[in-house]
Amino acid sequence: ALNIILYCELLAALVQFMVLSLPQPW
């Protein structure tokens, strides 16, 4: 569970950066 949490949190950071880098309306 600890390994899964760490990897998923890193995935969340990548997804968040991707969303913030896109223009509206994307």
mmCIF file of all heavy atoms, coordinates in Angstrom:
data_MODEL
# 
_entry.id   MODEL 
# 
loop_
_atom_site.group_PDB 
_atom_site.id 
_atom_site.type_symbol 
_atom_site.label_atom_id 
_atom_site.label_alt_id 
_atom_site.label_comp_id 
_atom_site.label_asym_id 
_atom_site.label_entity_id 
_atom_site.label_seq_id 
_atom_site.pdbx_PDB_ins_code 
_atom_site.Cartn_x 
_atom_site.Cartn_y 
_atom_site.Cartn_z 
_atom_site.occupancy 
_atom_site.B_iso_or_equiv 
_atom_site.pdbx_formal_charge 
_atom_site.auth_seq_id 
_atom_site.auth_comp_id 
_atom_site.auth_asym_id 
_atom_site.auth_atom_id 
_atom_site.pdbx_PDB_model_num 
ATOM 1   N N   . ALA A 1 1  ? 0.836   -1.205 0.000   1.00 0.00 ? 1  ALA A N   1 
ATOM 2   C CA  . ALA A 1 1  ? 0.000   0.000  0.000   1.00 0.00 ? 1  ALA A CA  1 
ATOM 3   C C   . ALA A 1 1  ? 0.867   1.249  0.000   1.00 0.00 ? 1  ALA A C   1 
ATOM 4   O O   . ALA A 1 1  ? 0.555   2.232  -0.694  1.00 0.00 ? 1  ALA A O   1 
ATOM 5   C CB  . ALA A 1 1  ? -0.928  -0.001 1.212   1.00 0.00 ? 1  ALA A CB  1 
ATOM 6   N N   . LEU A 1 2  ? 1.974   1.239  0.761   1.00 0.00 ? 2  LEU A N   1 
ATOM 7   C CA  . LEU A 1 2  ? 2.863   2.395  0.800   1.00 0.00 ? 2  LEU A CA  1 
ATOM 8   C C   . LEU A 1 2  ? 3.454   2.677  -0.573  1.00 0.00 ? 2  LEU A C   1 
ATOM 9   O O   . LEU A 1 2  ? 3.476   3.829  -1.018  1.00 0.00 ? 2  LEU A O   1 
ATOM 10  C CB  . LEU A 1 2  ? 3.973   2.160  1.817   1.00 0.00 ? 2  LEU A CB  1 
ATOM 11  C CG  . LEU A 1 2  ? 5.045   3.247  1.901   1.00 0.00 ? 2  LEU A CG  1 
ATOM 12  C CD1 . LEU A 1 2  ? 4.436   4.566  2.333   1.00 0.00 ? 2  LEU A CD1 1 
ATOM 13  C CD2 . LEU A 1 2  ? 6.163   2.833  2.864   1.00 0.00 ? 2  LEU A CD2 1 
ATOM 14  N N   . ASN A 1 3  ? 3.922   1.640  -1.255  1.00 0.00 ? 3  ASN A N   1 
ATOM 15  C CA  . ASN A 1 3  ? 4.484   1.834  -2.600  1.00 0.00 ? 3  ASN A CA  1 
ATOM 16  C C   . ASN A 1 3  ? 3.434   2.370  -3.556  1.00 0.00 ? 3  ASN A C   1 
ATOM 17  O O   . ASN A 1 3  ? 3.704   3.265  -4.364  1.00 0.00 ? 3  ASN A O   1 
ATOM 18  C CB  . ASN A 1 3  ? 5.048   0.512  -3.118  1.00 0.00 ? 3  ASN A CB  1 
ATOM 19  C CG  . ASN A 1 3  ? 6.290   0.077  -2.364  1.00 0.00 ? 3  ASN A CG  1 
ATOM 20  O OD1 . ASN A 1 3  ? 7.042   0.904  -1.873  1.00 0.00 ? 3  ASN A OD1 1 
ATOM 21  N ND2 . ASN A 1 3  ? 6.499   -1.216 -2.258  1.00 0.00 ? 3  ASN A ND2 1 
ATOM 22  N N   . ILE A 1 4  ? 2.226   1.834  -3.470  1.00 0.00 ? 4  ILE A N   1 
ATOM 23  C CA  . ILE A 1 4  ? 1.148   2.289  -4.352  1.00 0.00 ? 4  ILE A CA  1 
ATOM 24  C C   . ILE A 1 4  ? 0.833   3.761  -4.090  1.00 0.00 ? 4  ILE A C   1 
ATOM 25  O O   . ILE A 1 4  ? 0.651   4.554  -5.018  1.00 0.00 ? 4  ILE A O   1 
ATOM 26  C CB  . ILE A 1 4  ? -0.103  1.416  -4.146  1.00 0.00 ? 4  ILE A CB  1 
ATOM 27  C CG1 . ILE A 1 4  ? 0.149   0.009  -4.698  1.00 0.00 ? 4  ILE A CG1 1 
ATOM 28  C CG2 . ILE A 1 4  ? -1.317  2.038  -4.826  1.00 0.00 ? 4  ILE A CG2 1 
ATOM 29  C CD1 . ILE A 1 4  ? -0.931  -0.983 -4.347  1.00 0.00 ? 4  ILE A CD1 1 
ATOM 30  N N   . ILE A 1 5  ? 0.764   4.137  -2.810  1.00 0.00 ? 5  ILE A N   1 
ATOM 31  C CA  . ILE A 1 5  ? 0.461   5.532  -2.458  1.00 0.00 ? 5  ILE A CA  1 
ATOM 32  C C   . ILE A 1 5  ? 1.522   6.472  -3.020  1.00 0.00 ? 5  ILE A C   1 
ATOM 33  O O   . ILE A 1 5  ? 1.199   7.510  -3.613  1.00 0.00 ? 5  ILE A O   1 
ATOM 34  C CB  . ILE A 1 5  ? 0.358   5.675  -0.929  1.00 0.00 ? 5  ILE A CB  1 
ATOM 35  C CG1 . ILE A 1 5  ? -0.867  4.923  -0.399  1.00 0.00 ? 5  ILE A CG1 1 
ATOM 36  C CG2 . ILE A 1 5  ? 0.259   7.152  -0.534  1.00 0.00 ? 5  ILE A CG2 1 
ATOM 37  C CD1 . ILE A 1 5  ? -0.877  4.779  1.113   1.00 0.00 ? 5  ILE A CD1 1 
ATOM 38  N N   . LEU A 1 6  ? 2.784   6.117  -2.863  1.00 0.00 ? 6  LEU A N   1 
ATOM 39  C CA  . LEU A 1 6  ? 3.866   6.984  -3.339  1.00 0.00 ? 6  LEU A CA  1 
ATOM 40  C C   . LEU A 1 6  ? 3.822   7.131  -4.860  1.00 0.00 ? 6  LEU A C   1 
ATOM 41  O O   . LEU A 1 6  ? 3.931   8.247  -5.390  1.00 0.00 ? 6  LEU A O   1 
ATOM 42  C CB  . LEU A 1 6  ? 5.211   6.412  -2.906  1.00 0.00 ? 6  LEU A CB  1 
ATOM 43  C CG  . LEU A 1 6  ? 5.501   6.415  -1.398  1.00 0.00 ? 6  LEU A CG  1 
ATOM 44  C CD1 . LEU A 1 6  ? 6.823   5.728  -1.106  1.00 0.00 ? 6  LEU A CD1 1 
ATOM 45  C CD2 . LEU A 1 6  ? 5.515   7.834  -0.854  1.00 0.00 ? 6  LEU A CD2 1 
ATOM 46  N N   . TYR A 1 7  ? 3.656   6.024  -5.573  1.00 0.00 ? 7  TYR A N   1 
ATOM 47  C CA  . TYR A 1 7  ? 3.616   6.096  -7.035  1.00 0.00 ? 7  TYR A CA  1 
ATOM 48  C C   . TYR A 1 7  ? 2.387   6.866  -7.525  1.00 0.00 ? 7  TYR A C   1 
ATOM 49  O O   . TYR A 1 7  ? 2.472   7.635  -8.491  1.00 0.00 ? 7  TYR A O   1 
ATOM 50  C CB  . TYR A 1 7  ? 3.636   4.692  -7.631  1.00 0.00 ? 7  TYR A CB  1 
ATOM 51  C CG  . TYR A 1 7  ? 4.978   4.015  -7.545  1.00 0.00 ? 7  TYR A CG  1 
ATOM 52  C CD1 . TYR A 1 7  ? 5.123   2.787  -6.906  1.00 0.00 ? 7  TYR A CD1 1 
ATOM 53  C CD2 . TYR A 1 7  ? 6.115   4.608  -8.076  1.00 0.00 ? 7  TYR A CD2 1 
ATOM 54  C CE1 . TYR A 1 7  ? 6.364   2.168  -6.807  1.00 0.00 ? 7  TYR A CE1 1 
ATOM 55  C CE2 . TYR A 1 7  ? 7.359   4.004  -7.978  1.00 0.00 ? 7  TYR A CE2 1 
ATOM 56  C CZ  . TYR A 1 7  ? 7.476   2.789  -7.350  1.00 0.00 ? 7  TYR A CZ  1 
ATOM 57  O OH  . TYR A 1 7  ? 8.694   2.183  -7.255  1.00 0.00 ? 7  TYR A OH  1 
ATOM 58  N N   . CYS A 1 8  ? 1.241   6.662  -6.882  1.00 0.00 ? 8  CYS A N   1 
ATOM 59  C CA  . CYS A 1 8  ? 0.026   7.371  -7.291  1.00 0.00 ? 8  CYS A CA  1 
ATOM 60  C C   . CYS A 1 8  ? 0.120   8.866  -6.993  1.00 0.00 ? 8  CYS A C   1 
ATOM 61  O O   . CYS A 1 8  ? -0.414  9.690  -7.751  1.00 0.00 ? 8  CYS A O   1 
ATOM 62  C CB  . CYS A 1 8  ? -1.195  6.765  -6.602  1.00 0.00 ? 8  CYS A CB  1 
ATOM 63  S SG  . CYS A 1 8  ? -1.683  5.155  -7.251  1.00 0.00 ? 8  CYS A SG  1 
ATOM 64  N N   . GLU A 1 9  ? 0.769   9.226  -5.906  1.00 0.00 ? 9  GLU A N   1 
ATOM 65  C CA  . GLU A 1 9  ? 0.957   10.648 -5.604  1.00 0.00 ? 9  GLU A CA  1 
ATOM 66  C C   . GLU A 1 9  ? 1.872   11.300 -6.655  1.00 0.00 ? 9  GLU A C   1 
ATOM 67  O O   . GLU A 1 9  ? 1.646   12.454 -7.052  1.00 0.00 ? 9  GLU A O   1 
ATOM 68  C CB  . GLU A 1 9  ? 1.558   10.818 -4.209  1.00 0.00 ? 9  GLU A CB  1 
ATOM 69  C CG  . GLU A 1 9  ? 0.618   10.462 -3.067  1.00 0.00 ? 9  GLU A CG  1 
ATOM 70  C CD  . GLU A 1 9  ? -0.373  11.574 -2.761  1.00 0.00 ? 9  GLU A CD  1 
ATOM 71  O OE1 . GLU A 1 9  ? -0.231  12.670 -3.324  1.00 0.00 ? 9  GLU A OE1 1 
ATOM 72  O OE2 . GLU A 1 9  ? -1.286  11.333 -1.952  1.00 0.00 ? 9  GLU A OE2 1 
ATOM 73  N N   . LEU A 1 10 ? 2.894   10.579 -7.103  1.00 0.00 ? 10 LEU A N   1 
ATOM 74  C CA  . LEU A 1 10 ? 3.736   11.098 -8.184  1.00 0.00 ? 10 LEU A CA  1 
ATOM 75  C C   . LEU A 1 10 ? 2.936   11.231 -9.477  1.00 0.00 ? 10 LEU A C   1 
ATOM 76  O O   . LEU A 1 10 ? 3.096   12.209 -10.220 1.00 0.00 ? 10 LEU A O   1 
ATOM 77  C CB  . LEU A 1 10 ? 4.938   10.172 -8.391  1.00 0.00 ? 10 LEU A CB  1 
ATOM 78  C CG  . LEU A 1 10 ? 6.012   10.210 -7.301  1.00 0.00 ? 10 LEU A CG  1 
ATOM 79  C CD1 . LEU A 1 10 ? 7.063   9.144  -7.544  1.00 0.00 ? 10 LEU A CD1 1 
ATOM 80  C CD2 . LEU A 1 10 ? 6.672   11.591 -7.248  1.00 0.00 ? 10 LEU A CD2 1 
ATOM 81  N N   . LEU A 1 11 ? 2.088   10.240 -9.766  1.00 0.00 ? 11 LEU A N   1 
ATOM 82  C CA  . LEU A 1 11 ? 1.197   10.344 -10.932 1.00 0.00 ? 11 LEU A CA  1 
ATOM 83  C C   . LEU A 1 11 ? 0.300   11.565 -10.816 1.00 0.00 ? 11 LEU A C   1 
ATOM 84  O O   . LEU A 1 11 ? 0.089   12.297 -11.803 1.00 0.00 ? 11 LEU A O   1 
ATOM 85  C CB  . LEU A 1 11 ? 0.359   9.073  -11.044 1.00 0.00 ? 11 LEU A CB  1 
ATOM 86  C CG  . LEU A 1 11 ? -0.780  9.107  -12.080 1.00 0.00 ? 11 LEU A CG  1 
ATOM 87  C CD1 . LEU A 1 11 ? -0.213  9.220  -13.493 1.00 0.00 ? 11 LEU A CD1 1 
ATOM 88  C CD2 . LEU A 1 11 ? -1.664  7.865  -11.954 1.00 0.00 ? 11 LEU A CD2 1 
ATOM 89  N N   . ALA A 1 12 ? -0.230  11.807 -9.622  1.00 0.00 ? 12 ALA A N   1 
ATOM 90  C CA  . ALA A 1 12 ? -1.106  12.970 -9.407  1.00 0.00 ? 12 ALA A CA  1 
ATOM 91  C C   . ALA A 1 12 ? -0.366  14.271 -9.689  1.00 0.00 ? 12 ALA A C   1 
ATOM 92  O O   . ALA A 1 12 ? -0.923  15.205 -10.279 1.00 0.00 ? 12 ALA A O   1 
ATOM 93  C CB  . ALA A 1 12 ? -1.645  12.954 -7.984  1.00 0.00 ? 12 ALA A CB  1 
ATOM 94  N N   . ALA A 1 13 ? 0.898   14.353 -9.276  1.00 0.00 ? 13 ALA A N   1 
ATOM 95  C CA  . ALA A 1 13 ? 1.683   15.566 -9.531  1.00 0.00 ? 13 ALA A CA  1 
ATOM 96  C C   . ALA A 1 13 ? 1.875   15.783 -11.026 1.00 0.00 ? 13 ALA A C   1 
ATOM 97  O O   . ALA A 1 13 ? 1.739   16.912 -11.525 1.00 0.00 ? 13 ALA A O   1 
ATOM 98  C CB  . ALA A 1 13 ? 3.034   15.469 -8.828  1.00 0.00 ? 13 ALA A CB  1 
ATOM 99  N N   . LEU A 1 14 ? 2.164   14.723 -11.765 1.00 0.00 ? 14 LEU A N   1 
ATOM 100 C CA  . LEU A 1 14 ? 2.333   14.846 -13.215 1.00 0.00 ? 14 LEU A CA  1 
ATOM 101 C C   . LEU A 1 14 ? 1.042   15.281 -13.891 1.00 0.00 ? 14 LEU A C   1 
ATOM 102 O O   . LEU A 1 14 ? 1.049   16.139 -14.782 1.00 0.00 ? 14 LEU A O   1 
ATOM 103 C CB  . LEU A 1 14 ? 2.815   13.513 -13.792 1.00 0.00 ? 14 LEU A CB  1 
ATOM 104 C CG  . LEU A 1 14 ? 4.222   13.056 -13.381 1.00 0.00 ? 14 LEU A CG  1 
ATOM 105 C CD1 . LEU A 1 14 ? 4.511   11.671 -13.944 1.00 0.00 ? 14 LEU A CD1 1 
ATOM 106 C CD2 . LEU A 1 14 ? 5.271   14.055 -13.879 1.00 0.00 ? 14 LEU A CD2 1 
ATOM 107 N N   . VAL A 1 15 ? -0.072  14.689 -13.476 1.00 0.00 ? 15 VAL A N   1 
ATOM 108 C CA  . VAL A 1 15 ? -1.366  15.055 -14.065 1.00 0.00 ? 15 VAL A CA  1 
ATOM 109 C C   . VAL A 1 15 ? -1.705  16.508 -13.747 1.00 0.00 ? 15 VAL A C   1 
ATOM 110 O O   . VAL A 1 15 ? -2.195  17.247 -14.615 1.00 0.00 ? 15 VAL A O   1 
ATOM 111 C CB  . VAL A 1 15 ? -2.474  14.116 -13.544 1.00 0.00 ? 15 VAL A CB  1 
ATOM 112 C CG1 . VAL A 1 15 ? -3.852  14.605 -13.988 1.00 0.00 ? 15 VAL A CG1 1 
ATOM 113 C CG2 . VAL A 1 15 ? -2.243  12.692 -14.049 1.00 0.00 ? 15 VAL A CG2 1 
ATOM 114 N N   . GLN A 1 16 ? -1.415  16.926 -12.526 1.00 0.00 ? 16 GLN A N   1 
ATOM 115 C CA  . GLN A 1 16 ? -1.711  18.312 -12.159 1.00 0.00 ? 16 GLN A CA  1 
ATOM 116 C C   . GLN A 1 16 ? -0.896  19.298 -12.994 1.00 0.00 ? 16 GLN A C   1 
ATOM 117 O O   . GLN A 1 16 ? -1.435  20.306 -13.476 1.00 0.00 ? 16 GLN A O   1 
ATOM 118 C CB  . GLN A 1 16 ? -1.430  18.524 -10.677 1.00 0.00 ? 16 GLN A CB  1 
ATOM 119 C CG  . GLN A 1 16 ? -1.809  19.911 -10.177 1.00 0.00 ? 16 GLN A CG  1 
ATOM 120 C CD  . GLN A 1 16 ? -1.595  20.060 -8.688  1.00 0.00 ? 16 GLN A CD  1 
ATOM 121 O OE1 . GLN A 1 16 ? -1.574  19.065 -7.954  1.00 0.00 ? 16 GLN A OE1 1 
ATOM 122 N NE2 . GLN A 1 16 ? -1.417  21.291 -8.231  1.00 0.00 ? 16 GLN A NE2 1 
ATOM 123 N N   . PHE A 1 17 ? 0.391   19.006 -13.194 1.00 0.00 ? 17 PHE A N   1 
ATOM 124 C CA  . PHE A 1 17 ? 1.213   19.875 -14.037 1.00 0.00 ? 17 PHE A CA  1 
ATOM 125 C C   . PHE A 1 17 ? 0.696   19.900 -15.475 1.00 0.00 ? 17 PHE A C   1 
ATOM 126 O O   . PHE A 1 17 ? 0.712   20.941 -16.133 1.00 0.00 ? 17 PHE A O   1 
ATOM 127 C CB  . PHE A 1 17 ? 2.671   19.411 -14.011 1.00 0.00 ? 17 PHE A CB  1 
ATOM 128 C CG  . PHE A 1 17 ? 3.408   19.818 -12.774 1.00 0.00 ? 17 PHE A CG  1 
ATOM 129 C CD1 . PHE A 1 17 ? 4.104   18.880 -12.017 1.00 0.00 ? 17 PHE A CD1 1 
ATOM 130 C CD2 . PHE A 1 17 ? 3.413   21.136 -12.339 1.00 0.00 ? 17 PHE A CD2 1 
ATOM 131 C CE1 . PHE A 1 17 ? 4.787   19.249 -10.879 1.00 0.00 ? 17 PHE A CE1 1 
ATOM 132 C CE2 . PHE A 1 17 ? 4.094   21.518 -11.202 1.00 0.00 ? 17 PHE A CE2 1 
ATOM 133 C CZ  . PHE A 1 17 ? 4.787   20.568 -10.463 1.00 0.00 ? 17 PHE A CZ  1 
ATOM 134 N N   . MET A 1 18 ? 0.233   18.753 -15.961 1.00 0.00 ? 18 MET A N   1 
ATOM 135 C CA  . MET A 1 18 ? -0.293  18.705 -17.321 1.00 0.00 ? 18 MET A CA  1 
ATOM 136 C C   . MET A 1 18 ? -1.543  19.568 -17.461 1.00 0.00 ? 18 MET A C   1 
ATOM 137 O O   . MET A 1 18 ? -1.684  20.326 -18.434 1.00 0.00 ? 18 MET A O   1 
ATOM 138 C CB  . MET A 1 18 ? -0.627  17.255 -17.697 1.00 0.00 ? 18 MET A CB  1 
ATOM 139 C CG  . MET A 1 18 ? -1.169  17.103 -19.116 1.00 0.00 ? 18 MET A CG  1 
ATOM 140 S SD  . MET A 1 18 ? -1.712  15.413 -19.462 1.00 0.00 ? 18 MET A SD  1 
ATOM 141 C CE  . MET A 1 18 ? -3.182  15.328 -18.415 1.00 0.00 ? 18 MET A CE  1 
ATOM 142 N N   . VAL A 1 19 ? -2.438  19.482 -16.485 1.00 0.00 ? 19 VAL A N   1 
ATOM 143 C CA  . VAL A 1 19 ? -3.670  20.282 -16.537 1.00 0.00 ? 19 VAL A CA  1 
ATOM 144 C C   . VAL A 1 19 ? -3.343  21.769 -16.471 1.00 0.00 ? 19 VAL A C   1 
ATOM 145 O O   . VAL A 1 19 ? -3.908  22.583 -17.225 1.00 0.00 ? 19 VAL A O   1 
ATOM 146 C CB  . VAL A 1 19 ? -4.607  19.880 -15.381 1.00 0.00 ? 19 VAL A CB  1 
ATOM 147 C CG1 . VAL A 1 19 ? -5.823  20.807 -15.332 1.00 0.00 ? 19 VAL A CG1 1 
ATOM 148 C CG2 . VAL A 1 19 ? -5.064  18.431 -15.544 1.00 0.00 ? 19 VAL A CG2 1 
ATOM 149 N N   . LEU A 1 20 ? -2.419  22.159 -15.597 1.00 0.00 ? 20 LEU A N   1 
ATOM 150 C CA  . LEU A 1 20 ? -2.095  23.570 -15.440 1.00 0.00 ? 20 LEU A CA  1 
ATOM 151 C C   . LEU A 1 20 ? -1.369  24.143 -16.659 1.00 0.00 ? 20 LEU A C   1 
ATOM 152 O O   . LEU A 1 20 ? -1.437  25.355 -16.909 1.00 0.00 ? 20 LEU A O   1 
ATOM 153 C CB  . LEU A 1 20 ? -1.226  23.773 -14.191 1.00 0.00 ? 20 LEU A CB  1 
ATOM 154 C CG  . LEU A 1 20 ? -1.881  23.417 -12.853 1.00 0.00 ? 20 LEU A CG  1 
ATOM 155 C CD1 . LEU A 1 20 ? -0.906  23.660 -11.711 1.00 0.00 ? 20 LEU A CD1 1 
ATOM 156 C CD2 . LEU A 1 20 ? -3.157  24.209 -12.646 1.00 0.00 ? 20 LEU A CD2 1 
ATOM 157 N N   . SER A 1 21 ? -0.701  23.289 -17.409 1.00 0.00 ? 21 SER A N   1 
ATOM 158 C CA  . SER A 1 21 ? 0.039   23.778 -18.580 1.00 0.00 ? 21 SER A CA  1 
ATOM 159 C C   . SER A 1 21 ? -0.834  23.946 -19.811 1.00 0.00 ? 21 SER A C   1 
ATOM 160 O O   . SER A 1 21 ? -0.426  24.592 -20.773 1.00 0.00 ? 21 SER A O   1 
ATOM 161 C CB  . SER A 1 21 ? 1.192   22.813 -18.907 1.00 0.00 ? 21 SER A CB  1 
ATOM 162 O OG  . SER A 1 21 ? 0.682   21.543 -19.291 1.00 0.00 ? 21 SER A OG  1 
ATOM 163 N N   . LEU A 1 22 ? -2.039  23.393 -19.787 1.00 0.00 ? 22 LEU A N   1 
ATOM 164 C CA  . LEU A 1 22 ? -2.922  23.480 -20.953 1.00 0.00 ? 22 LEU A CA  1 
ATOM 165 C C   . LEU A 1 22 ? -3.738  24.765 -20.904 1.00 0.00 ? 22 LEU A C   1 
ATOM 166 O O   . LEU A 1 22 ? -4.116  25.247 -19.831 1.00 0.00 ? 22 LEU A O   1 
ATOM 167 C CB  . LEU A 1 22 ? -3.868  22.281 -20.992 1.00 0.00 ? 22 LEU A CB  1 
ATOM 168 C CG  . LEU A 1 22 ? -3.227  20.914 -21.266 1.00 0.00 ? 22 LEU A CG  1 
ATOM 169 C CD1 . LEU A 1 22 ? -4.282  19.817 -21.138 1.00 0.00 ? 22 LEU A CD1 1 
ATOM 170 C CD2 . LEU A 1 22 ? -2.588  20.890 -22.648 1.00 0.00 ? 22 LEU A CD2 1 
ATOM 171 N N   . PRO A 1 23 ? -4.043  25.337 -22.083 1.00 0.00 ? 23 PRO A N   1 
ATOM 172 C CA  . PRO A 1 23 ? -4.891  26.538 -22.106 1.00 0.00 ? 23 PRO A CA  1 
ATOM 173 C C   . PRO A 1 23 ? -6.363  26.162 -21.945 1.00 0.00 ? 23 PRO A C   1 
ATOM 174 O O   . PRO A 1 23 ? -6.753  25.000 -22.071 1.00 0.00 ? 23 PRO A O   1 
ATOM 175 C CB  . PRO A 1 23 ? -4.616  27.118 -23.506 1.00 0.00 ? 23 PRO A CB  1 
ATOM 176 C CG  . PRO A 1 23 ? -4.296  25.912 -24.345 1.00 0.00 ? 23 PRO A CG  1 
ATOM 177 C CD  . PRO A 1 23 ? -3.575  24.963 -23.432 1.00 0.00 ? 23 PRO A CD  1 
ATOM 178 N N   . GLN A 1 24 ? -7.166  27.168 -21.679 1.00 0.00 ? 24 GLN A N   1 
ATOM 179 C CA  . GLN A 1 24 ? -8.604  26.967 -21.686 1.00 0.00 ? 24 GLN A CA  1 
ATOM 180 C C   . GLN A 1 24 ? -9.074  26.772 -23.134 1.00 0.00 ? 24 GLN A C   1 
ATOM 181 O O   . GLN A 1 24 ? -8.492  27.343 -24.044 1.00 0.00 ? 24 GLN A O   1 
ATOM 182 C CB  . GLN A 1 24 ? -9.318  28.175 -21.063 1.00 0.00 ? 24 GLN A CB  1 
ATOM 183 C CG  . GLN A 1 24 ? -9.129  28.310 -19.573 1.00 0.00 ? 24 GLN A CG  1 
ATOM 184 C CD  . GLN A 1 24 ? -9.933  27.277 -18.780 1.00 0.00 ? 24 GLN A CD  1 
ATOM 185 O OE1 . GLN A 1 24 ? -10.545 26.373 -19.346 1.00 0.00 ? 24 GLN A OE1 1 
ATOM 186 N NE2 . GLN A 1 24 ? -9.902  27.415 -17.465 1.00 0.00 ? 24 GLN A NE2 1 
ATOM 187 N N   . PRO A 1 25 ? -10.084 25.962 -23.406 1.00 0.00 ? 25 PRO A N   1 
ATOM 188 C CA  . PRO A 1 25 ? -10.950 25.265 -22.443 1.00 0.00 ? 25 PRO A CA  1 
ATOM 189 C C   . PRO A 1 25 ? -10.464 23.874 -22.061 1.00 0.00 ? 25 PRO A C   1 
ATOM 190 O O   . PRO A 1 25 ? -11.164 23.149 -21.362 1.00 0.00 ? 25 PRO A O   1 
ATOM 191 C CB  . PRO A 1 25 ? -12.266 25.174 -23.210 1.00 0.00 ? 25 PRO A CB  1 
ATOM 192 C CG  . PRO A 1 25 ? -11.841 24.988 -24.638 1.00 0.00 ? 25 PRO A CG  1 
ATOM 193 C CD  . PRO A 1 25 ? -10.582 25.809 -24.800 1.00 0.00 ? 25 PRO A CD  1 
ATOM 194 N N   . TRP A 1 26 ? -9.258  23.475 -22.537 1.00 0.00 ? 26 TRP A N   1 
ATOM 195 C CA  . TRP A 1 26 ? -8.799  22.114 -22.282 1.00 0.00 ? 26 TRP A CA  1 
ATOM 196 C C   . TRP A 1 26 ? -8.537  21.859 -20.803 1.00 0.00 ? 26 TRP A C   1 
ATOM 197 O O   . TRP A 1 26 ? -8.856  20.775 -20.294 1.00 0.00 ? 26 TRP A O   1 
ATOM 198 C CB  . TRP A 1 26 ? -7.538  21.843 -23.101 1.00 0.00 ? 26 TRP A CB  1 
ATOM 199 C CG  . TRP A 1 26 ? -7.732  22.062 -24.568 1.00 0.00 ? 26 TRP A CG  1 
ATOM 200 C CD1 . TRP A 1 26 ? -7.209  23.067 -25.323 1.00 0.00 ? 26 TRP A CD1 1 
ATOM 201 C CD2 . TRP A 1 26 ? -8.540  21.273 -25.438 1.00 0.00 ? 26 TRP A CD2 1 
ATOM 202 N NE1 . TRP A 1 26 ? -7.641  22.960 -26.628 1.00 0.00 ? 26 TRP A NE1 1 
ATOM 203 C CE2 . TRP A 1 26 ? -8.454  21.856 -26.732 1.00 0.00 ? 26 TRP A CE2 1 
ATOM 204 C CE3 . TRP A 1 26 ? -9.323  20.138 -25.279 1.00 0.00 ? 26 TRP A CE3 1 
ATOM 205 C CZ2 . TRP A 1 26 ? -9.129  21.338 -27.829 1.00 0.00 ? 26 TRP A CZ2 1 
ATOM 206 C CZ3 . TRP A 1 26 ? -9.997  19.616 -26.381 1.00 0.00 ? 26 TRP A CZ3 1 
ATOM 207 C CH2 . TRP A 1 26 ? -9.891  20.214 -27.629 1.00 0.00 ? 26 TRP A CH2 1 
# 
